[in-house]
Amino acid sequence: MPAPPWFTQALAQEPEHRDVVVAGARVAHRVWGPVGAPGVVLVHGGAAHSGWWDHVAPLLTGHRVVALDLTGHGSSDRRDSYDPHLWAREVVAVAAAAELDRPVVVGHSMGGWVAVTVAAEHAGDVSSVVVVDSPLNDQPPDEERLRERRRPHRVYPTAEEAVARFRTLPPQDVVLPFVRDHVARGSLRAVEGGWSWAFDPDFFGARLRLRDLLPGAGAPLTLLRCEHGLVSAAMAEEMAGLVRGGMPVVELPDAGHHPMLDQPLALVAALRTLLALRAPRR
């Protein structure tokens, strides 16, 4: 399937690549849009990277948009251990470095847990938070799955072979091939003997329970629930009930857990709407 014009035009709007140091580690991030425009920070999910937003960020017109690589992911540094509180600090630091004034923070999957941590611990630094299909994480990860995830990455002799092995976590049946190719290529790093995945397999560590974070959120929250994702309608209702004053739930029809991979324009439309509703009245 050839890439449609909207996708190639979005990628043609190349971001500025920047770094900021947080607690001794370099945090890479991408920036689109002019200084002074309303701010948006995009936070990727686990094992992903800022390039997952390359075809989304340029379509959030009228905004200054930042997408970061959490430490242990993408082009950012790795740490000896990963702390969700520190990831939240990284989000706030990147927003400040890009000169964003109380931005909207959008977090997908694990990034949604990070975004809600920002709302709970740094509410004064953001205007609102959008959570994209981040489920309640009451149970710790199965130890066998954790061991599997923490195995050293395989080294592929060519980038093409690695791209062919790219899979989402959790698996998703429908992925637009042109988006998949772009995201997969950005997920690689050159290593001795070929190519491997850029994320640190040890990033799966301590987690904060979303159930405990939601009642303490000091910034307005919105949940984007993907129809075929990890958040059921019943779970979404339960999550909204945990938030003081409630939390709007917006349904993304026919979307899997990774909507930027199968329903990116629906995701953009939902985000544009939420950003317009959050815009200050004149």
Protein backbone atom coordinates (compact mmCIF):
# COMPACT_ATOMS: atom_id res chain seq x y z
CA MET A 1 0.00 0.00 0.00
CA PRO A 2 1.57 3.32 -1.05
CA ALA A 3 1.68 6.07 1.54
CA PRO A 4 -1.15 8.60 1.07
CA PRO A 5 -0.35 12.29 0.50
CA TRP A 6 -1.32 13.35 4.03
CA PHE A 7 1.29 10.97 5.46
CA THR A 8 4.16 12.01 3.19
CA GLN A 9 3.29 15.67 3.71
CA ALA A 10 3.33 15.19 7.48
CA LEU A 11 6.75 13.51 7.41
CA ALA A 12 8.04 16.31 5.18
CA GLN A 13 7.55 18.66 8.15
CA GLU A 14 10.73 17.53 9.85
CA PRO A 15 11.07 18.36 13.54
CA GLU A 16 13.95 20.01 15.30
CA HIS A 17 15.92 17.41 17.28
CA ARG A 18 16.98 18.52 20.74
CA ASP A 19 18.35 17.16 24.02
CA VAL A 20 17.94 18.14 27.66
CA VAL A 21 19.71 16.57 30.65
CA VAL A 22 17.50 15.32 33.50
CA ALA A 23 19.08 13.76 36.59
CA GLY A 24 22.30 13.09 34.71
CA ALA A 25 20.74 11.48 31.62
CA ARG A 26 20.22 12.96 28.17
CA VAL A 27 16.55 13.08 27.10
CA ALA A 28 16.11 13.38 23.33
CA HIS A 29 13.03 15.07 21.92
CA ARG A 30 11.53 16.39 18.69
CA VAL A 31 9.89 19.78 18.31
CA TRP A 32 7.42 21.07 15.72
CA GLY A 33 5.82 24.50 15.53
CA PRO A 34 6.71 28.05 16.58
CA VAL A 35 7.59 29.31 20.04
CA GLY A 36 4.57 30.95 21.64
CA ALA A 37 1.95 28.64 20.14
CA PRO A 38 -0.13 26.55 22.57
CA GLY A 39 1.92 23.55 23.69
CA VAL A 40 1.41 19.81 23.42
CA VAL A 41 3.71 17.07 24.75
CA LEU A 42 3.35 13.56 23.27
CA VAL A 43 4.51 10.62 25.40
CA HIS A 44 5.04 7.24 23.73
CA GLY A 45 4.28 3.81 25.18
CA GLY A 46 6.62 1.13 26.46
CA ALA A 47 9.34 -0.04 24.03
CA ALA A 48 8.30 2.72 21.61
CA HIS A 49 9.91 6.09 20.81
CA SER A 50 9.13 9.66 19.78
CA GLY A 51 9.00 8.73 16.08
CA TRP A 52 5.67 6.98 16.67
CA TRP A 53 4.23 10.52 16.61
CA ASP A 54 6.01 11.78 13.45
CA HIS A 55 2.84 11.57 11.33
CA VAL A 56 0.57 12.85 14.11
CA ALA A 57 2.40 15.86 15.55
CA PRO A 58 2.53 17.94 12.33
CA LEU A 59 -1.24 17.57 11.95
CA LEU A 60 -1.89 19.25 15.30
CA THR A 61 -1.82 22.56 13.50
CA GLY A 62 -1.56 25.81 15.42
CA HIS A 63 0.43 24.20 18.24
CA ARG A 64 4.03 23.80 19.32
CA VAL A 65 4.34 20.05 19.71
CA VAL A 66 7.07 18.10 21.50
CA ALA A 67 7.55 14.32 21.43
CA LEU A 68 10.20 12.90 23.74
CA ASP A 69 12.09 9.64 24.10
CA LEU A 70 11.71 8.60 27.72
CA THR A 71 15.06 7.41 29.08
CA GLY A 72 15.63 3.80 28.10
CA HIS A 73 13.91 4.42 24.77
CA GLY A 74 14.77 5.80 21.35
CA SER A 75 17.77 8.12 21.28
CA SER A 76 17.71 9.00 24.99
CA ASP A 77 20.25 7.69 27.46
CA ARG A 78 19.73 4.53 29.48
CA ARG A 79 19.68 4.45 33.27
CA ASP A 80 20.68 1.80 35.78
CA SER A 81 17.03 1.65 36.83
CA TYR A 82 13.84 3.39 35.74
CA ASP A 83 11.57 5.36 38.02
CA PRO A 84 8.09 6.50 36.86
CA HIS A 85 8.46 9.62 39.01
CA LEU A 86 11.64 10.47 37.11
CA TRP A 87 9.96 9.85 33.74
CA ALA A 88 7.33 12.40 34.81
CA ARG A 89 10.13 14.86 35.58
CA GLU A 90 11.52 14.24 32.10
CA VAL A 91 8.19 15.23 30.55
CA VAL A 92 8.10 18.47 32.52
CA ALA A 93 11.75 19.25 31.77
CA VAL A 94 11.30 18.72 28.04
CA ALA A 95 8.25 21.00 28.04
CA ALA A 96 10.23 23.71 29.82
CA ALA A 97 13.21 23.35 27.47
CA ALA A 98 10.89 23.77 24.46
CA GLU A 99 9.37 26.91 26.05
CA LEU A 100 5.90 25.45 26.41
CA ASP A 101 3.58 27.23 28.83
CA ARG A 102 1.41 24.69 30.68
CA PRO A 103 0.99 22.32 27.74
CA VAL A 104 -1.52 19.55 27.19
CA VAL A 105 0.22 16.22 27.82
CA VAL A 106 -0.90 13.24 25.71
CA GLY A 107 0.28 9.81 26.84
CA HIS A 108 -0.25 6.48 25.08
CA SER A 109 -0.35 3.16 26.96
CA MET A 110 2.57 3.20 29.43
CA GLY A 111 3.01 6.85 28.47
CA GLY A 112 -0.50 7.44 29.78
CA TRP A 113 0.60 6.22 33.21
CA VAL A 114 3.50 8.68 32.97
CA ALA A 115 1.15 11.48 31.90
CA VAL A 116 -1.19 10.84 34.84
CA THR A 117 1.86 10.89 37.13
CA VAL A 118 2.58 14.35 35.73
CA ALA A 119 -1.02 15.38 36.48
CA ALA A 120 -0.64 14.09 40.05
CA GLU A 121 2.82 15.46 40.83
CA HIS A 122 3.29 18.44 38.50
CA ALA A 123 -0.26 19.72 37.98
CA GLY A 124 0.85 23.34 37.99
CA ASP A 125 3.07 22.72 34.97
CA VAL A 126 0.34 21.40 32.64
CA SER A 127 -3.12 22.49 31.56
CA SER A 128 -4.61 19.03 31.04
CA VAL A 129 -3.77 15.41 30.28
CA VAL A 130 -5.11 13.04 27.61
CA VAL A 131 -4.71 9.33 28.29
CA VAL A 132 -4.76 7.09 25.19
CA ASP A 133 -5.90 3.52 25.99
CA SER A 134 -3.87 3.16 29.19
CA PRO A 135 -5.46 0.35 31.25
CA LEU A 136 -5.62 -0.06 34.98
CA ASN A 137 -2.43 -1.93 35.90
CA ASP A 138 -3.42 -3.54 39.18
CA GLN A 139 -1.55 -6.83 38.71
CA PRO A 140 2.24 -6.97 38.43
CA PRO A 141 3.54 -8.30 35.11
CA ASP A 142 3.84 -12.06 34.91
CA GLU A 143 7.40 -13.02 35.85
CA GLU A 144 7.82 -15.32 32.86
CA ARG A 145 6.77 -12.52 30.51
CA LEU A 146 9.17 -10.17 32.27
CA ARG A 147 12.06 -12.57 31.79
CA GLU A 148 11.16 -12.88 28.11
CA ARG A 149 11.08 -9.11 27.69
CA ARG A 150 14.39 -8.65 29.49
CA ARG A 151 16.34 -11.00 27.27
CA PRO A 152 19.12 -9.20 25.35
CA HIS A 153 17.94 -7.98 21.98
CA ARG A 154 18.69 -10.09 18.95
CA VAL A 155 21.14 -8.57 16.46
CA TYR A 156 19.98 -8.63 12.83
CA PRO A 157 22.56 -8.49 10.03
CA THR A 158 20.52 -5.95 8.03
CA ALA A 159 18.01 -3.25 8.85
CA GLU A 160 15.57 -4.81 6.39
CA GLU A 161 15.56 -8.09 8.29
CA ALA A 162 14.97 -6.27 11.57
CA VAL A 163 12.11 -4.20 10.11
CA ALA A 164 10.47 -7.42 8.89
CA ARG A 165 10.51 -8.71 12.49
CA PHE A 166 8.92 -5.59 13.99
CA ARG A 167 5.91 -6.39 16.20
CA THR A 168 3.74 -4.29 18.46
CA LEU A 169 3.41 -5.02 22.16
CA PRO A 170 0.69 -6.12 22.71
CA PRO A 171 0.20 -7.61 19.21
CA GLN A 172 -2.19 -5.76 16.91
CA ASP A 173 -3.77 -7.32 13.83
CA VAL A 174 -4.27 -4.12 11.80
CA VAL A 175 -1.32 -1.80 11.21
CA LEU A 176 -1.04 0.54 8.21
CA PRO A 177 2.05 -0.73 6.34
CA PHE A 178 3.49 2.70 5.54
CA VAL A 179 3.22 3.74 9.21
CA ARG A 180 4.65 0.42 10.33
CA ASP A 181 7.69 0.79 8.06
CA HIS A 182 8.45 4.30 9.31
CA VAL A 183 8.02 3.41 12.98
CA ALA A 184 10.01 0.17 12.67
CA ARG A 185 13.00 1.86 11.01
CA GLY A 186 13.04 4.48 13.73
CA SER A 187 13.06 1.72 16.36
CA LEU A 188 16.52 0.48 15.36
CA ARG A 189 20.07 1.34 16.35
CA ALA A 190 23.32 0.23 14.79
CA VAL A 191 25.29 -2.20 16.96
CA GLU A 192 28.29 -4.46 16.45
CA GLY A 193 27.30 -7.05 13.88
CA GLY A 194 24.25 -5.24 12.52
CA TRP A 195 21.06 -3.76 13.91
CA SER A 196 19.05 -4.13 17.10
CA TRP A 197 16.14 -2.49 18.88
CA ALA A 198 16.85 0.85 20.51
CA PHE A 199 14.92 0.41 23.76
CA ASP A 200 16.58 -0.92 26.91
CA PRO A 201 15.09 -4.36 27.70
CA ASP A 202 15.49 -3.52 31.39
CA PHE A 203 13.07 -0.57 31.25
CA PHE A 204 10.32 -2.87 32.60
CA GLY A 205 10.68 -2.06 36.27
CA ALA A 206 8.69 -0.53 39.10
CA ARG A 207 5.30 0.82 38.13
CA LEU A 208 2.85 3.12 39.83
CA ARG A 209 -0.73 1.86 39.90
CA LEU A 210 -3.04 3.98 37.78
CA ARG A 211 -5.80 3.24 40.30
CA ASP A 212 -3.76 5.09 42.93
CA LEU A 213 -2.74 7.95 40.64
CA LEU A 214 -6.14 8.93 39.22
CA PRO A 215 -7.68 10.24 42.48
CA GLY A 216 -4.69 12.52 43.02
CA ALA A 217 -4.67 14.12 39.57
CA GLY A 218 -4.60 17.88 39.90
CA ALA A 219 -5.13 18.64 36.20
CA PRO A 220 -8.18 17.80 34.04
CA LEU A 221 -8.04 14.33 32.47
CA THR A 222 -9.62 12.85 29.33
CA LEU A 223 -9.50 9.20 28.31
CA LEU A 224 -9.37 8.13 24.67
CA ARG A 225 -10.62 4.54 24.63
CA CYS A 226 -9.76 2.42 21.61
CA GLU A 227 -12.61 0.12 20.57
CA HIS A 228 -10.30 -2.89 20.14
CA GLY A 229 -7.76 -1.80 22.74
CA LEU A 230 -6.95 -2.70 26.33
CA VAL A 231 -9.54 -0.52 28.07
CA SER A 232 -13.02 -2.02 28.07
CA ALA A 233 -16.12 0.13 28.40
CA ALA A 234 -16.55 -1.13 31.96
CA MET A 235 -12.93 -0.33 32.83
CA ALA A 236 -13.28 3.16 31.33
CA GLU A 237 -16.32 3.78 33.52
CA GLU A 238 -14.42 2.55 36.56
CA MET A 239 -11.45 4.80 35.74
CA ALA A 240 -13.68 7.85 35.31
CA GLY A 241 -15.19 7.15 38.72
CA LEU A 242 -11.75 7.33 40.32
CA VAL A 243 -11.15 10.90 39.15
CA ARG A 244 -12.41 13.77 41.28
CA GLY A 245 -15.12 15.46 39.24
CA GLY A 246 -15.12 12.64 36.69
CA MET A 247 -13.25 12.17 33.43
CA PRO A 248 -14.69 12.39 29.89
CA VAL A 249 -14.25 9.22 27.84
CA VAL A 250 -13.94 9.57 24.05
CA GLU A 251 -14.33 6.43 21.94
CA LEU A 252 -12.01 5.82 18.97
CA PRO A 253 -14.05 3.52 16.68
CA ASP A 254 -12.38 0.48 15.10
CA ALA A 255 -9.03 1.39 16.67
CA GLY A 256 -6.59 -1.07 18.20
CA HIS A 257 -4.47 -0.36 21.24
CA HIS A 258 -2.00 1.58 19.04
CA PRO A 259 -4.31 4.03 17.22
CA MET A 260 -1.44 5.96 15.62
CA LEU A 261 -0.69 2.74 13.71
CA ASP A 262 -4.17 1.81 12.48
CA GLN A 263 -6.43 4.86 12.87
CA PRO A 264 -4.08 7.86 12.90
CA LEU A 265 -6.52 10.33 11.34
CA ALA A 266 -9.24 9.42 13.85
CA LEU A 267 -6.67 9.97 16.59
CA VAL A 268 -5.71 13.34 15.12
CA ALA A 269 -9.38 14.38 14.85
CA ALA A 270 -9.99 13.47 18.49
CA LEU A 271 -6.87 15.34 19.66
CA ARG A 272 -7.71 18.40 17.57
CA THR A 273 -11.16 18.49 19.13
CA LEU A 274 -9.84 18.17 22.67
CA LEU A 275 -7.20 20.84 22.05
CA ALA A 276 -9.84 23.19 20.68
CA LEU A 277 -12.02 22.64 23.75
CA ARG A 278 -9.04 23.32 26.04
CA ALA A 279 -8.05 26.49 24.18
CA PRO A 280 -8.40 29.65 26.29
CA ARG A 281 -11.46 31.73 25.51
CA ARG A 282 -10.93 35.20 24.11
